[in-house]
Protein backbone atom coordinates (compact mmCIF):
# COMPACT_ATOMS: atom_id res chain seq x y z
CA VAL A 1 17.43 19.46 22.13
CA ASP A 2 17.59 21.55 19.09
CA ASP A 3 18.58 21.13 15.25
CA LEU A 4 20.25 17.92 17.41
CA LEU A 5 18.09 15.36 18.80
CA LEU A 6 14.19 14.76 19.04
CA LEU A 7 12.31 12.35 21.09
CA ARG A 8 8.79 10.87 20.46
CA LEU A 9 6.81 8.86 22.95
CA ALA A 10 2.90 7.18 21.90
CA GLY A 11 0.93 5.48 23.26
CA SER A 12 -2.70 4.41 22.60
CA ILE A 13 -5.93 1.93 23.81
CA LYS A 14 -8.48 1.29 21.75
CA THR A 15 -11.57 -1.15 21.99
CA ARG A 16 -13.41 -2.37 18.49
CA PHE A 17 -16.69 -3.87 19.12
CA PRO A 18 -18.17 -6.29 16.77
CA ASN A 19 -20.49 -4.10 13.86
CA LEU A 20 -24.13 -4.94 13.26
CA SER A 21 -22.70 -6.71 9.47
CA GLU A 22 -20.49 -9.12 11.48
CA TYR A 23 -23.70 -9.99 13.93
CA SER A 24 -26.44 -10.32 11.33
CA LEU A 25 -24.73 -13.85 10.60
CA ILE A 26 -25.14 -15.78 14.05
CA VAL A 27 -28.40 -16.70 13.88
CA ASP A 28 -29.22 -19.20 15.76
CA ASP A 29 -26.83 -20.12 19.23
CA HIS A 30 -25.32 -23.38 17.14
CA ARG A 31 -23.54 -20.23 14.78
CA ASP A 32 -22.37 -18.00 17.82
CA ASN A 33 -19.12 -18.13 18.44
CA GLY A 34 -19.85 -15.52 21.32
CA LEU A 35 -18.29 -12.83 19.37
CA LYS A 36 -15.85 -10.44 21.86
CA PRO A 37 -14.71 -6.87 21.59
CA GLU A 38 -11.26 -6.34 20.57
CA ARG A 39 -9.08 -4.96 22.31
CA SER A 40 -5.66 -2.85 21.34
CA TYR A 41 -2.16 -1.53 23.26
CA ASN A 42 -0.24 0.10 20.92
CA LEU A 43 3.35 1.63 20.95
CA ASN A 44 6.19 3.18 19.81
CA THR A 45 9.13 5.40 20.49
CA GLY A 46 12.47 6.55 18.61
CA PHE A 47 14.42 9.48 18.16
CA GLU A 48 15.70 11.74 15.39
CA LEU A 49 19.33 13.58 14.62
CA LEU A 50 19.69 16.44 13.13
CA PHE A 51 22.99 17.63 11.05
CA LEU A 52 23.95 20.69 8.36
CA ASP A 53 21.15 22.50 10.01
CA ARG A 54 18.43 20.03 9.68
CA MET A 55 19.70 19.49 5.95
CA LEU A 56 20.10 15.47 7.19
CA SER A 57 18.20 13.80 9.61
CA PHE A 58 18.35 9.83 10.73
CA ARG A 59 14.90 9.07 12.60
CA ASN A 60 14.74 5.81 14.21
CA ASP A 61 11.76 4.37 16.31
CA TYR A 62 10.46 1.11 17.29
CA PHE A 63 6.04 0.13 17.75
CA ILE A 64 4.79 -2.38 18.99
CA SER A 65 0.50 -3.69 18.69
CA ARG A 66 -0.16 -6.08 20.95
CA VAL A 67 -3.52 -6.91 19.72
CA LYS A 68 -6.76 -9.14 22.15
CA ASP A 69 -9.48 -11.33 21.04
CA ARG A 70 -8.60 -9.75 17.53
CA ILE A 71 -12.09 -10.06 15.19
CA GLU A 72 -11.28 -12.23 11.64
CA LYS A 73 -13.68 -13.10 9.40
CA VAL A 74 -13.87 -16.62 8.58
CA THR A 75 -13.33 -16.86 4.49
CA GLY A 76 -15.30 -18.85 1.91
CA GLY A 77 -18.17 -18.88 3.67
CA ILE A 78 -21.27 -17.55 5.32
CA ASP A 79 -19.74 -18.60 8.86
CA PRO A 80 -19.85 -15.62 10.79
CA PRO A 81 -16.11 -14.37 12.56
CA VAL A 82 -13.81 -15.56 15.68
CA ASN A 83 -11.86 -14.28 17.48
CA ILE A 84 -8.25 -14.98 17.62
CA GLY A 85 -6.52 -14.96 21.35
CA GLU A 86 -3.36 -12.53 20.82
CA VAL A 87 -2.03 -10.90 17.43
CA VAL A 88 1.12 -9.12 18.37
CA SER A 89 3.59 -7.04 15.83
CA GLN A 90 6.25 -5.06 16.32
CA GLY A 91 9.14 -4.16 14.44
CA ILE A 92 11.62 -1.04 13.89
CA GLU A 93 12.23 1.34 11.29
CA SER A 94 15.18 3.56 10.59
CA ILE A 95 14.68 6.97 8.10
CA ILE A 96 17.39 8.27 6.62
CA THR A 97 16.72 12.25 5.00
CA TRP A 98 18.78 14.42 3.06
CA GLU A 99 17.24 16.88 1.80
CA SER A 100 20.24 20.03 0.00
CA MET A 101 20.82 23.23 -0.77
CA SER A 102 20.76 24.18 -4.33
CA ILE A 103 23.68 23.13 -6.08
CA ALA A 104 25.40 25.01 -8.32
CA ASN A 105 21.92 27.64 -8.86
CA ILE A 106 20.32 24.48 -10.77
CA VAL A 107 18.66 22.20 -8.86
CA THR A 108 17.69 20.59 -5.18
CA VAL A 109 17.84 17.36 -4.23
CA LYS A 110 15.22 15.45 -1.81
CA THR A 111 15.97 12.25 -0.72
CA GLU A 112 14.05 9.67 1.92
CA LEU A 113 15.16 5.66 2.36
CA SER A 114 13.37 3.90 4.68
CA TYR A 115 14.01 0.50 6.19
CA THR A 116 11.32 -1.07 8.38
CA PHE A 117 11.37 -4.60 10.49
CA ILE A 118 8.52 -6.21 10.89
CA HIS A 119 8.20 -9.58 13.73
CA ALA A 120 4.77 -10.00 13.59
CA ARG A 121 2.96 -13.64 15.34
CA MET A 122 -0.63 -15.23 15.95
CA HIS A 123 -0.84 -16.58 19.31
CA ASP A 124 -4.18 -18.33 18.70
CA ASP A 125 -5.25 -22.13 19.35
CA THR A 126 -8.55 -21.45 17.25
CA PRO A 127 -10.24 -24.99 16.03
CA GLU A 128 -10.74 -23.20 13.03
CA GLU A 129 -8.41 -24.36 9.69
CA LYS A 130 -9.69 -20.69 7.52
CA VAL A 131 -8.23 -18.54 10.49
CA ASN A 132 -5.94 -20.74 12.43
CA LYS A 133 -3.13 -22.41 10.08
CA GLY A 134 0.15 -20.94 11.97
CA LYS A 135 2.16 -18.37 14.03
CA TYR A 136 3.08 -15.88 10.84
CA LEU A 137 0.57 -13.86 9.42
CA GLU A 138 -0.05 -14.27 5.99
CA ASN A 139 0.88 -11.72 3.52
CA THR A 140 2.59 -10.00 6.05
CA PRO A 141 6.50 -8.90 5.13
CA VAL A 142 9.64 -9.06 7.62
CA HIS A 143 11.44 -6.39 5.61
CA GLN A 144 10.46 -3.69 3.39
CA PHE A 145 12.19 -0.77 1.61
CA CYS A 146 11.88 2.27 0.22
CA ALA A 147 13.48 4.68 -1.50
CA ASP A 148 12.55 8.34 -2.87
CA VAL A 149 14.70 10.63 -4.70
CA ARG A 150 13.36 14.15 -5.96
CA LEU A 151 15.50 16.65 -8.16
CA ARG A 152 14.03 19.75 -9.35
CA PHE A 153 15.54 21.83 -11.34
CA VAL A 154 15.56 26.22 -11.37
CA SER A 155 13.84 25.52 -15.33
CA GLY A 156 10.56 23.89 -13.53
CA THR A 157 12.09 20.11 -14.31
CA LEU A 158 11.20 17.13 -11.94
CA LEU A 159 13.18 14.65 -12.06
CA ALA A 160 11.47 11.48 -9.58
CA LEU A 161 12.21 7.97 -8.80
CA TRP A 162 10.15 6.13 -6.08
CA GLY A 163 9.41 2.81 -5.11
CA TYR A 164 9.63 -0.15 -2.38
CA SER A 165 10.47 -4.01 -2.14
CA THR A 166 8.92 -5.76 0.46
CA VAL A 167 11.06 -9.44 1.74
CA ASN A 168 10.21 -12.63 2.75
CA GLN A 169 6.14 -12.55 2.58
CA VAL A 170 4.26 -16.04 3.35
CA VAL A 171 0.73 -17.67 2.66
CA TYR A 172 -0.37 -20.83 3.80
CA THR A 173 -0.66 -23.93 1.83
CA MET A 174 -2.01 -27.55 2.79
CA ARG A 175 1.14 -29.91 4.23
CA GLU A 176 -0.85 -33.27 4.44
CA ARG A 177 -4.62 -34.29 3.86
CA PRO A 178 -6.52 -34.31 7.93
CA GLU A 179 -7.60 -37.95 8.44
CA PRO A 180 -11.18 -37.93 6.49
CA PHE A 181 -14.36 -38.55 7.99
CA PRO A 182 -15.51 -39.73 10.76
CA ALA A 183 -12.42 -40.17 12.25
CA GLU A 184 -12.08 -37.64 14.72
CA THR A 185 -8.54 -36.40 13.78
CA PRO A 186 -7.82 -32.88 16.59
CA PHE A 187 -7.75 -29.97 14.83
CA SER A 188 -3.80 -28.91 14.18
CA THR A 189 -2.08 -26.57 12.32
CA SER A 190 0.75 -29.00 11.13
CA TYR A 191 -1.28 -29.52 8.34
CA PHE A 192 -0.32 -26.59 7.10
CA GLU A 193 3.08 -24.97 5.78
CA ALA A 194 4.00 -21.00 5.01
CA VAL A 195 5.45 -20.67 1.95
CA ARG A 196 7.89 -17.94 1.04
CA LEU A 197 5.96 -15.33 -1.43
CA HIS A 198 7.86 -13.70 -4.65
CA ASP A 199 9.77 -10.61 -2.75
CA PRO A 200 9.34 -7.73 -5.55
CA VAL A 201 10.87 -4.60 -6.43
CA MET A 202 8.70 -2.05 -7.89
CA PHE A 203 10.16 1.60 -9.19
CA ASN A 204 8.63 3.98 -10.44
CA ILE A 205 10.07 7.71 -12.35
CA LYS A 206 8.26 10.95 -12.98
CA VAL A 207 9.42 13.68 -15.30
CA SER A 208 7.58 17.15 -15.79
CA GLN A 209 8.04 20.19 -16.62
CA LYS A 210 6.39 23.59 -14.89
CA PHE A 211 5.09 25.97 -18.43
CA CYS A 212 2.93 29.41 -17.99
CA GLU A 213 3.39 29.76 -14.10
CA LYS A 214 0.05 27.29 -13.95
CA TYR A 215 0.67 24.42 -16.02
CA GLU A 216 2.30 21.36 -15.53
CA ALA A 217 2.64 18.61 -17.80
CA TYR A 218 4.20 14.90 -16.97
CA VAL A 219 5.55 11.78 -18.39
CA MET A 220 5.71 8.93 -16.17
CA CYS A 221 6.76 5.09 -15.97
CA LYS A 222 5.33 3.00 -13.00
CA ASN A 223 6.89 -0.55 -12.37
CA ILE A 224 10.15 0.43 -14.81
CA PHE A 225 11.21 -3.39 -13.94
CA ASP A 226 8.40 -4.80 -14.89
CA ASP A 227 8.12 -7.24 -11.37
CA TYR A 228 5.13 -8.76 -10.12
CA ASN A 229 3.24 -8.40 -6.43
CA ALA A 230 3.80 -10.60 -4.27
CA ASP A 231 0.06 -11.75 -4.29
CA PRO A 232 0.10 -14.92 -6.61
CA PHE A 233 -3.79 -14.37 -7.31
CA ILE A 234 -3.73 -11.19 -7.92
CA PRO A 235 0.22 -10.32 -9.40
CA GLY A 236 -1.08 -6.68 -10.33
CA PRO A 237 -0.10 -4.55 -13.69
CA GLY A 238 3.77 -4.56 -15.46
CA ARG A 239 4.91 -1.60 -16.75
CA ILE A 240 2.81 1.46 -17.23
CA PHE A 241 2.76 4.39 -19.06
CA TYR A 242 1.05 8.05 -18.31
CA ALA A 243 1.56 11.00 -19.67
CA GLY A 244 -1.09 14.70 -18.75
CA ILE A 245 -1.18 18.08 -18.24
CA SER A 246 -2.29 19.23 -15.45
CA ALA A 247 -3.17 22.69 -14.03
CA GLU A 248 -4.11 25.15 -11.31
CA PHE A 249 -6.64 27.94 -10.64
C-alpha cells in the first residue's frame, strides 16, 4: 500500500559441504566421525508502516533459521570437526526510523532505533565436551539495542552519535569435575554451567566539517563510555580518539 504499508517475505534453503581443510583432519578410520553436509532452512517475514510522507517508519520482522547437521570445529586440538544435531535461532527485530525535513532551514535529523530479541538453542547429544556443553549458544546475546542519530547542518557540519548494547550473553565454565579415568562416567552437559557475561554499552561520536566542496575534516571518539566488550578474554580497547582529513576527487 503506497506510503502506508510494506509486506516482506523471504525464504531460503542452503547446503554447505565439508571443505578440504576439514576433511584433511580425518587421517584414519578412528578419527572419521562420518562428517555430513550442513543444511539450513531460513525464513524472514514482516511488515513496515510508513507515516508523514515516509519521514517516519516502523518496521517489524520475524526470522527463523534451522540448521541441521551443523559442522562445528573441535577447539583446542587437531581433532576433525563434528556434526551438531540441530541449531535453531529465531527472533524479532523492530526498527523505528525518522528523517526530518530541514528544521528552521538549519539542520536535518535522521534517527534510527532498533531492538532485536534472539532465541537460539542447540539440540544435540554429541558426546564431545568441546562442542556440546548445553543448550545455549555461547556469545549470542538475547537482547540487542542499537541507536544511530545524525544531524546535518546547512553549514556542512555533521554530528553523528551511534552505538549498541548487548544483553544476556553467556559462556560455559566447568561446574564440577567428571569422574576420573578409568571410571566410565557417561558424558553429561551437567558438568558445565552457563555464566552470564558483562552487558556492554558501546557508543561513539563524530563531528565533521566539509570545506572547499571536496574536503572534510573530522574528530571522532569511539567507546565514549570507556566500556568493554562482553568477551572476558578479548575485552577490546577503551576510549579511542581520532582526527583526520578526507578528500574526494
